[in-house]
Amino acid sequence: MKKTCLLSGLREGESGWVSGLELAGPMRRRLLDIGLTQGTRVECLLRSPFGDPAAYEIRGAVFALRKEDACRVRLERNTGGVLWG
């Protein structure tokens, strides 16, 4: 069964597949440019001590995103913990 969540909700070591972006303008363009397109696997690698920003692995590269931007990226995950695709 698929579960929808937000990128900002991933804990360290968790991952999911991008299902949509709820952004417009330059930030949407930036996220698309770094590879956050529909179907892309994203893993949360590390959170700062206060939880913002967090580091994510996207297509083999590591990027830091602020929570306010990460909460606008929708993900899908398998409720059993196994990624689908």
PDB file of N, CA and C in Angstrom:
ATOM      1  N   MET A   1       0.833  -1.170   0.000  1.00  0.00           N
ATOM      2  CA  MET A   1       0.000   0.000   0.000  1.00  0.00           C
ATOM      3  C   MET A   1       0.890   1.250   0.000  1.00  0.00           C
ATOM      4  N   LYS A   2       0.541   2.227  -0.796  1.00  0.00           N
ATOM      5  CA  LYS A   2       1.321   3.455  -0.895  1.00  0.00           C
ATOM      6  C   LYS A   2       0.890   4.453   0.169  1.00  0.00           C
ATOM      7  N   LYS A   3       1.855   5.204   0.657  1.00  0.00           N
ATOM      8  CA  LYS A   3       1.599   6.236   1.648  1.00  0.00           C
ATOM      9  C   LYS A   3       2.201   7.537   1.130  1.00  0.00           C
ATOM     10  N   THR A   4       1.447   8.624   1.225  1.00  0.00           N
ATOM     11  CA  THR A   4       1.934   9.931   0.804  1.00  0.00           C
ATOM     12  C   THR A   4       2.476  10.668   2.017  1.00  0.00           C
ATOM     13  N   CYS A   5       3.617  11.322   1.841  1.00  0.00           N
ATOM     14  CA  CYS A   5       4.197  12.123   2.913  1.00  0.00           C
ATOM     15  C   CYS A   5       4.927  13.309   2.288  1.00  0.00           C
ATOM     16  N   LEU A   6       5.518  14.123   3.117  1.00  0.00           N
ATOM     17  CA  LEU A   6       6.294  15.262   2.648  1.00  0.00           C
ATOM     18  C   LEU A   6       7.780  14.974   2.844  1.00  0.00           C
ATOM     19  N   LEU A   7       8.606  15.548   2.010  1.00  0.00           N
ATOM     20  CA  LEU A   7      10.043  15.380   2.130  1.00  0.00           C
ATOM     21  C   LEU A   7      10.514  15.809   3.512  1.00  0.00           C
ATOM     22  N   SER A   8       9.948  16.869   4.044  1.00  0.00           N
ATOM     23  CA  SER A   8      10.342  17.367   5.366  1.00  0.00           C
ATOM     24  C   SER A   8      10.042  16.372   6.478  1.00  0.00           C
ATOM     25  N   GLY A   9       9.159  15.403   6.227  1.00  0.00           N
ATOM     26  CA  GLY A   9       8.784  14.426   7.240  1.00  0.00           C
ATOM     27  C   GLY A   9       9.671  13.199   7.303  1.00  0.00           C
ATOM     28  N   LEU A  10      10.606  13.073   6.365  1.00  0.00           N
ATOM     29  CA  LEU A  10      11.497  11.919   6.398  1.00  0.00           C
ATOM     30  C   LEU A  10      12.471  12.031   7.560  1.00  0.00           C
ATOM     31  N   ARG A  11      12.713  10.905   8.205  1.00  0.00           N
ATOM     32  CA  ARG A  11      13.740  10.834   9.240  1.00  0.00           C
ATOM     33  C   ARG A  11      15.025  10.335   8.602  1.00  0.00           C
ATOM     34  N   GLU A  12      16.136  10.502   9.291  1.00  0.00           N
ATOM     35  CA  GLU A  12      17.421  10.043   8.764  1.00  0.00           C
ATOM     36  C   GLU A  12      17.330   8.568   8.382  1.00  0.00           C
ATOM     37  N   GLY A  13      17.792   8.257   7.173  1.00  0.00           N
ATOM     38  CA  GLY A  13      17.773   6.883   6.684  1.00  0.00           C
ATOM     39  C   GLY A  13      16.513   6.504   5.925  1.00  0.00           C
ATOM     40  N   GLU A  14      15.469   7.311   5.992  1.00  0.00           N
ATOM     41  CA  GLU A  14      14.229   7.017   5.274  1.00  0.00           C
ATOM     42  C   GLU A  14      14.287   7.598   3.865  1.00  0.00           C
ATOM     43  N   SER A  15      13.518   6.998   2.974  1.00  0.00           N
ATOM     44  CA  SER A  15      13.493   7.479   1.597  1.00  0.00           C
ATOM     45  C   SER A  15      12.112   7.328   0.995  1.00  0.00           C
ATOM     46  N   GLY A  16      11.933   7.948  -0.141  1.00  0.00           N
ATOM     47  CA  GLY A  16      10.672   7.889  -0.867  1.00  0.00           C
ATOM     48  C   GLY A  16      10.875   8.343  -2.292  1.00  0.00           C
ATOM     49  N   TRP A  17       9.795   8.354  -3.051  1.00  0.00           N
ATOM     50  CA  TRP A  17       9.813   8.737  -4.460  1.00  0.00           C
ATOM     51  C   TRP A  17       9.019  10.025  -4.636  1.00  0.00           C
ATOM     52  N   VAL A  18       9.574  10.980  -5.351  1.00  0.00           N
ATOM     53  CA  VAL A  18       8.903  12.264  -5.568  1.00  0.00           C
ATOM     54  C   VAL A  18       7.616  12.041  -6.350  1.00  0.00           C
ATOM     55  N   SER A  19       6.513  12.589  -5.826  1.00  0.00           N
ATOM     56  CA  SER A  19       5.236  12.493  -6.539  1.00  0.00           C
ATOM     57  C   SER A  19       4.736  13.864  -6.976  1.00  0.00           C
ATOM     58  N   GLY A  20       5.349  14.939  -6.469  1.00  0.00           N
ATOM     59  CA  GLY A  20       4.936  16.263  -6.907  1.00  0.00           C
ATOM     60  C   GLY A  20       5.625  17.377  -6.144  1.00  0.00           C
ATOM     61  N   LEU A  21       5.649  18.552  -6.770  1.00  0.00           N
ATOM     62  CA  LEU A  21       6.203  19.762  -6.156  1.00  0.00           C
ATOM     63  C   LEU A  21       5.092  20.785  -6.018  1.00  0.00           C
ATOM     64  N   GLU A  22       4.991  21.385  -4.867  1.00  0.00           N
ATOM     65  CA  GLU A  22       3.978  22.415  -4.623  1.00  0.00           C
ATOM     66  C   GLU A  22       4.670  23.771  -4.508  1.00  0.00           C
ATOM     67  N   LEU A  23       5.477  24.083  -5.499  1.00  0.00           N
ATOM     68  CA  LEU A  23       6.259  25.315  -5.541  1.00  0.00           C
ATOM     69  C   LEU A  23       6.101  25.962  -6.900  1.00  0.00           C
ATOM     70  N   ALA A  24       6.399  27.243  -6.943  1.00  0.00           N
ATOM     71  CA  ALA A  24       6.410  27.971  -8.215  1.00  0.00           C
ATOM     72  C   ALA A  24       7.639  28.870  -8.233  1.00  0.00           C
ATOM     73  N   GLY A  25       7.955  29.395  -9.392  1.00  0.00           N
ATOM     74  CA  GLY A  25       9.031  30.368  -9.516  1.00  0.00           C
ATOM     75  C   GLY A  25      10.421  29.779  -9.418  1.00  0.00           C
ATOM     76  N   PRO A  26      11.377  30.596  -8.953  1.00  0.00           N
ATOM     77  CA  PRO A  26      12.784  30.202  -8.935  1.00  0.00           C
ATOM     78  C   PRO A  26      13.087  28.969  -8.076  1.00  0.00           C
ATOM     79  N   MET A  27      12.396  28.809  -6.949  1.00  0.00           N
ATOM     80  CA  MET A  27      12.669  27.647  -6.115  1.00  0.00           C
ATOM     81  C   MET A  27      12.216  26.365  -6.795  1.00  0.00           C
ATOM     82  N   ARG A  28      11.097  26.391  -7.493  1.00  0.00           N
ATOM     83  CA  ARG A  28      10.657  25.214  -8.245  1.00  0.00           C
ATOM     84  C   ARG A  28      11.702  24.865  -9.298  1.00  0.00           C
ATOM     85  N   ARG A  29      12.186  25.865 -10.007  1.00  0.00           N
ATOM     86  CA  ARG A  29      13.203  25.651 -11.033  1.00  0.00           C
ATOM     87  C   ARG A  29      14.469  25.036 -10.430  1.00  0.00           C
ATOM     88  N   ARG A  30      14.880  25.549  -9.257  1.00  0.00           N
ATOM     89  CA  ARG A  30      16.074  25.030  -8.591  1.00  0.00           C
ATOM     90  C   ARG A  30      15.907  23.559  -8.234  1.00  0.00           C
ATOM     91  N   LEU A  31      14.752  23.209  -7.660  1.00  0.00           N
ATOM     92  CA  LEU A  31      14.522  21.817  -7.281  1.00  0.00           C
ATOM     93  C   LEU A  31      14.463  20.901  -8.497  1.00  0.00           C
ATOM     94  N   LEU A  32      13.863  21.374  -9.568  1.00  0.00           N
ATOM     95  CA  LEU A  32      13.853  20.581 -10.800  1.00  0.00           C
ATOM     96  C   LEU A  32      15.271  20.428 -11.350  1.00  0.00           C
ATOM     97  N   ASP A  33      16.074  21.493 -11.280  1.00  0.00           N
ATOM     98  CA  ASP A  33      17.442  21.451 -11.777  1.00  0.00           C
ATOM     99  C   ASP A  33      18.329  20.480 -11.006  1.00  0.00           C
ATOM    100  N   ILE A  34      18.090  20.328  -9.698  1.00  0.00           N
ATOM    101  CA  ILE A  34      18.899  19.382  -8.931  1.00  0.00           C
ATOM    102  C   ILE A  34      18.379  17.948  -9.057  1.00  0.00           C
ATOM    103  N   GLY A  35      17.293  17.761  -9.782  1.00  0.00           N
ATOM    104  CA  GLY A  35      16.812  16.415 -10.068  1.00  0.00           C
ATOM    105  C   GLY A  35      15.577  15.977  -9.323  1.00  0.00           C
ATOM    106  N   LEU A  36      14.917  16.871  -8.622  1.00  0.00           N
ATOM    107  CA  LEU A  36      13.691  16.489  -7.914  1.00  0.00           C
ATOM    108  C   LEU A  36      12.513  16.474  -8.881  1.00  0.00           C
ATOM    109  N   THR A  37      12.485  15.467  -9.710  1.00  0.00           N
ATOM    110  CA  THR A  37      11.401  15.299 -10.671  1.00  0.00           C
ATOM    111  C   THR A  37      10.574  14.086 -10.262  1.00  0.00           C
ATOM    112  N   GLN A  38       9.389  14.005 -10.794  1.00  0.00           N
ATOM    113  CA  GLN A  38       8.481  12.914 -10.432  1.00  0.00           C
ATOM    114  C   GLN A  38       9.152  11.566 -10.666  1.00  0.00           C
ATOM    115  N   GLY A  39       9.060  10.702  -9.654  1.00  0.00           N
ATOM    116  CA  GLY A  39       9.626   9.362  -9.731  1.00  0.00           C
ATOM    117  C   GLY A  39      11.049   9.240  -9.218  1.00  0.00           C
ATOM    118  N   THR A  40      11.671  10.347  -8.859  1.00  0.00           N
ATOM    119  CA  THR A  40      13.048  10.320  -8.365  1.00  0.00           C
ATOM    120  C   THR A  40      13.088   9.869  -6.911  1.00  0.00           C
ATOM    121  N   ARG A  41      14.019   8.981  -6.601  1.00  0.00           N
ATOM    122  CA  ARG A  41      14.198   8.508  -5.226  1.00  0.00           C
ATOM    123  C   ARG A  41      14.996   9.548  -4.441  1.00  0.00           C
ATOM    124  N   VAL A  42      14.553   9.819  -3.212  1.00  0.00           N
ATOM    125  CA  VAL A  42      15.208  10.783  -2.323  1.00  0.00           C
ATOM    126  C   VAL A  42      15.382  10.126  -0.961  1.00  0.00           C
ATOM    127  N   GLU A  43      16.574  10.277  -0.387  1.00  0.00           N
ATOM    128  CA  GLU A  43      16.834   9.737   0.944  1.00  0.00           C
ATOM    129  C   GLU A  43      17.309  10.850   1.868  1.00  0.00           C
ATOM    130  N   CYS A  44      16.787  10.866   3.084  1.00  0.00           N
ATOM    131  CA  CYS A  44      17.242  11.822   4.088  1.00  0.00           C
ATOM    132  C   CYS A  44      18.504  11.243   4.726  1.00  0.00           C
ATOM    133  N   LEU A  45      19.622  11.956   4.570  1.00  0.00           N
ATOM    134  CA  LEU A  45      20.891  11.485   5.108  1.00  0.00           C
ATOM    135  C   LEU A  45      21.183  12.014   6.498  1.00  0.00           C
ATOM    136  N   LEU A  46      20.867  13.281   6.721  1.00  0.00           N
ATOM    137  CA  LEU A  46      21.263  13.920   7.973  1.00  0.00           C
ATOM    138  C   LEU A  46      20.402  15.142   8.242  1.00  0.00           C
ATOM    139  N   ARG A  47      20.089  15.355   9.499  1.00  0.00           N
ATOM    140  CA  ARG A  47      19.392  16.579   9.912  1.00  0.00           C
ATOM    141  C   ARG A  47      20.316  17.365  10.818  1.00  0.00           C
ATOM    142  N   SER A  48      20.262  18.675  10.713  1.00  0.00           N
ATOM    143  CA  SER A  48      21.068  19.506  11.609  1.00  0.00           C
ATOM    144  C   SER A  48      20.541  19.328  13.027  1.00  0.00           C
ATOM    145  N   PRO A  49      21.308  19.742  14.032  1.00  0.00           N
ATOM    146  CA  PRO A  49      20.878  19.534  15.420  1.00  0.00           C
ATOM    147  C   PRO A  49      19.478  20.081  15.735  1.00  0.00           C
ATOM    148  N   PHE A  50      19.073  21.162  15.097  1.00  0.00           N
ATOM    149  CA  PHE A  50      17.740  21.713  15.340  1.00  0.00           C
ATOM    150  C   PHE A  50      16.730  21.285  14.271  1.00  0.00           C
ATOM    151  N   GLY A  51      17.146  20.381  13.366  1.00  0.00           N
ATOM    152  CA  GLY A  51      16.249  19.833  12.366  1.00  0.00           C
ATOM    153  C   GLY A  51      16.133  20.613  11.075  1.00  0.00           C
ATOM    154  N   ASP A  52      16.806  21.741  10.973  1.00  0.00           N
ATOM    155  CA  ASP A  52      16.690  22.563   9.767  1.00  0.00           C
ATOM    156  C   ASP A  52      18.016  23.248   9.491  1.00  0.00           C
ATOM    157  N   PRO A  53      18.650  23.042   8.359  1.00  0.00           N
ATOM    158  CA  PRO A  53      18.207  22.271   7.207  1.00  0.00           C
ATOM    159  C   PRO A  53      18.517  20.782   7.369  1.00  0.00           C
ATOM    160  N   ALA A  54      18.168  20.017   6.343  1.00  0.00           N
ATOM    161  CA  ALA A  54      18.467  18.588   6.300  1.00  0.00           C
ATOM    162  C   ALA A  54      19.198  18.294   4.997  1.00  0.00           C
ATOM    163  N   ALA A  55      20.004  17.242   5.016  1.00  0.00           N
ATOM    164  CA  ALA A  55      20.742  16.819   3.825  1.00  0.00           C
ATOM    165  C   ALA A  55      20.035  15.619   3.197  1.00  0.00           C
ATOM    166  N   TYR A  56      19.850  15.692   1.893  1.00  0.00           N
ATOM    167  CA  TYR A  56      19.163  14.636   1.146  1.00  0.00           C
ATOM    168  C   TYR A  56      20.042  14.153   0.002  1.00  0.00           C
ATOM    169  N   GLU A  57      19.976  12.843  -0.277  1.00  0.00           N
ATOM    170  CA  GLU A  57      20.654  12.306  -1.452  1.00  0.00           C
ATOM    171  C   GLU A  57      19.645  12.222  -2.579  1.00  0.00           C
ATOM    172  N   ILE A  58      19.997  12.856  -3.695  1.00  0.00           N
ATOM    173  CA  ILE A  58      19.131  12.901  -4.867  1.00  0.00           C
ATOM    174  C   ILE A  58      19.985  12.558  -6.081  1.00  0.00           C
ATOM    175  N   ARG A  59      19.708  11.422  -6.713  1.00  0.00           N
ATOM    176  CA  ARG A  59      20.451  10.993  -7.908  1.00  0.00           C
ATOM    177  C   ARG A  59      21.960  10.958  -7.683  1.00  0.00           C
ATOM    178  N   GLY A  60      22.377  10.490  -6.509  1.00  0.00           N
ATOM    179  CA  GLY A  60      23.794  10.339  -6.212  1.00  0.00           C
ATOM    180  C   GLY A  60      24.494  11.576  -5.683  1.00  0.00           C
ATOM    181  N   ALA A  61      23.810  12.695  -5.610  1.00  0.00           N
ATOM    182  CA  ALA A  61      24.392  13.931  -5.083  1.00  0.00           C
ATOM    183  C   ALA A  61      23.700  14.289  -3.762  1.00  0.00           C
ATOM    184  N   VAL A  62      24.394  15.029  -2.921  1.00  0.00           N
ATOM    185  CA  VAL A  62      23.843  15.433  -1.628  1.00  0.00           C
ATOM    186  C   VAL A  62      23.535  16.920  -1.654  1.00  0.00           C
ATOM    187  N   PHE A  63      22.313  17.263  -1.240  1.00  0.00           N
ATOM    188  CA  PHE A  63      21.854  18.647  -1.205  1.00  0.00           C
ATOM    189  C   PHE A  63      21.230  18.934   0.146  1.00  0.00           C
ATOM    190  N   ALA A  64      21.380  20.168   0.613  1.00  0.00           N
ATOM    191  CA  ALA A  64      20.722  20.604   1.843  1.00  0.00           C
ATOM    192  C   ALA A  64      19.513  21.450   1.459  1.00  0.00           C
ATOM    193  N   LEU A  65      18.396  21.183   2.100  1.00  0.00           N
ATOM    194  CA  LEU A  65      17.175  21.961   1.869  1.00  0.00           C
ATOM    195  C   LEU A  65      16.606  22.417   3.195  1.00  0.00           C
ATOM    196  N   ARG A  66      16.104  23.635   3.207  1.00  0.00           N
ATOM    197  CA  ARG A  66      15.419  24.140   4.386  1.00  0.00           C
ATOM    198  C   ARG A  66      14.060  23.461   4.513  1.00  0.00           C
ATOM    199  N   LYS A  67      13.573  23.401   5.723  1.00  0.00           N
ATOM    200  CA  LYS A  67      12.283  22.746   5.983  1.00  0.00           C
ATOM    201  C   LYS A  67      11.155  23.421   5.208  1.00  0.00           C
ATOM    202  N   GLU A  68      11.185  24.756   5.104  1.00  0.00           N
ATOM    203  CA  GLU A  68      10.107  25.457   4.404  1.00  0.00           C
ATOM    204  C   GLU A  68      10.031  25.064   2.927  1.00  0.00           C
ATOM    205  N   ASP A  69      11.149  24.650   2.334  1.00  0.00           N
ATOM    206  CA  ASP A  69      11.138  24.183   0.946  1.00  0.00           C
ATOM    207  C   ASP A  69      10.828  22.689   0.874  1.00  0.00           C
ATOM    208  N   ALA A  70      11.405  21.907   1.801  1.00  0.00           N
ATOM    209  CA  ALA A  70      11.185  20.461   1.808  1.00  0.00           C
ATOM    210  C   ALA A  70       9.725  20.109   2.100  1.00  0.00           C
ATOM    211  N   CYS A  71       8.999  20.969   2.800  1.00  0.00           N
ATOM    212  CA  CYS A  71       7.593  20.660   3.110  1.00  0.00           C
ATOM    213  C   CYS A  71       6.689  20.891   1.899  1.00  0.00           C
ATOM    214  N   ARG A  72       7.251  21.319   0.796  1.00  0.00           N
ATOM    215  CA  ARG A  72       6.468  21.508  -0.427  1.00  0.00           C
ATOM    216  C   ARG A  72       6.767  20.443  -1.482  1.00  0.00           C
ATOM    217  N   VAL A  73       7.480  19.403  -1.051  1.00  0.00           N
ATOM    218  CA  VAL A  73       7.786  18.280  -1.947  1.00  0.00           C
ATOM    219  C   VAL A  73       7.025  17.064  -1.436  1.00  0.00           C
ATOM    220  N   ARG A  74       6.108  16.555  -2.264  1.00  0.00           N
ATOM    221  CA  ARG A  74       5.316  15.372  -1.903  1.00  0.00           C
ATOM    222  C   ARG A  74       6.073  14.114  -2.321  1.00  0.00           C
ATOM    223  N   LEU A  75       6.004  13.101  -1.446  1.00  0.00           N
ATOM    224  CA  LEU A  75       6.640  11.813  -1.716  1.00  0.00           C
ATOM    225  C   LEU A  75       5.619  10.700  -1.580  1.00  0.00           C
ATOM    226  N   GLU A  76       5.939   9.576  -2.170  1.00  0.00           N
ATOM    227  CA  GLU A  76       5.153   8.360  -1.947  1.00  0.00           C
ATOM    228  C   GLU A  76       6.106   7.305  -1.424  1.00  0.00           C
ATOM    229  N   ARG A  77       5.600   6.545  -0.473  1.00  0.00           N
ATOM    230  CA  ARG A  77       6.374   5.460   0.126  1.00  0.00           C
ATOM    231  C   ARG A  77       5.489   4.243   0.249  1.00  0.00           C
ATOM    232  N   ASN A  78       6.098   3.100   0.368  1.00  0.00           N
ATOM    233  CA  ASN A  78       5.373   1.860   0.634  1.00  0.00           C
ATOM    234  C   ASN A  78       5.228   1.749   2.139  1.00  0.00           C
ATOM    235  N   THR A  79       4.034   1.455   2.641  1.00  0.00           N
ATOM    236  CA  THR A  79       3.824   1.394   4.093  1.00  0.00           C
ATOM    237  C   THR A  79       4.624   0.279   4.737  1.00  0.00           C
ATOM    238  N   GLY A  80       5.055  -0.689   3.950  1.00  0.00           N
ATOM    239  CA  GLY A  80       5.876  -1.770   4.486  1.00  0.00           C
ATOM    240  C   GLY A  80       7.338  -1.391   4.596  1.00  0.00           C
ATOM    241  N   GLY A  81       7.716  -0.166   4.166  1.00  0.00           N
ATOM    242  CA  GLY A  81       9.093   0.282   4.235  1.00  0.00           C
ATOM    243  C   GLY A  81       9.891  -0.020   2.993  1.00  0.00           C
ATOM    244  N   VAL A  82       9.333  -0.846   2.102  1.00  0.00           N
ATOM    245  CA  VAL A  82      10.026  -1.188   0.862  1.00  0.00           C
ATOM    246  C   VAL A  82       9.588  -0.202  -0.209  1.00  0.00           C
ATOM    247  N   LEU A  83      10.543   0.366  -0.891  1.00  0.00           N
ATOM    248  CA  LEU A  83      10.195   1.338  -1.937  1.00  0.00           C
ATOM    249  C   LEU A  83       9.577   0.633  -3.129  1.00  0.00           C
ATOM    250  N   TRP A  84       8.659   1.278  -3.747  1.00  0.00           N
ATOM    251  CA  TRP A  84       8.005   0.742  -4.935  1.00  0.00           C
ATOM    252  C   TRP A  84       8.571   1.434  -6.154  1.00  0.00           C
ATOM    253  N   GLY A  85       8.273   0.948  -7.287  1.00  0.00           N
ATOM    254  CA  GLY A  85       8.743   1.627  -8.480  1.00  0.00           C
ATOM    255  C   GLY A  85       8.755   0.707  -9.604  1.00  0.00           C
TER     256      GLY A  85
END
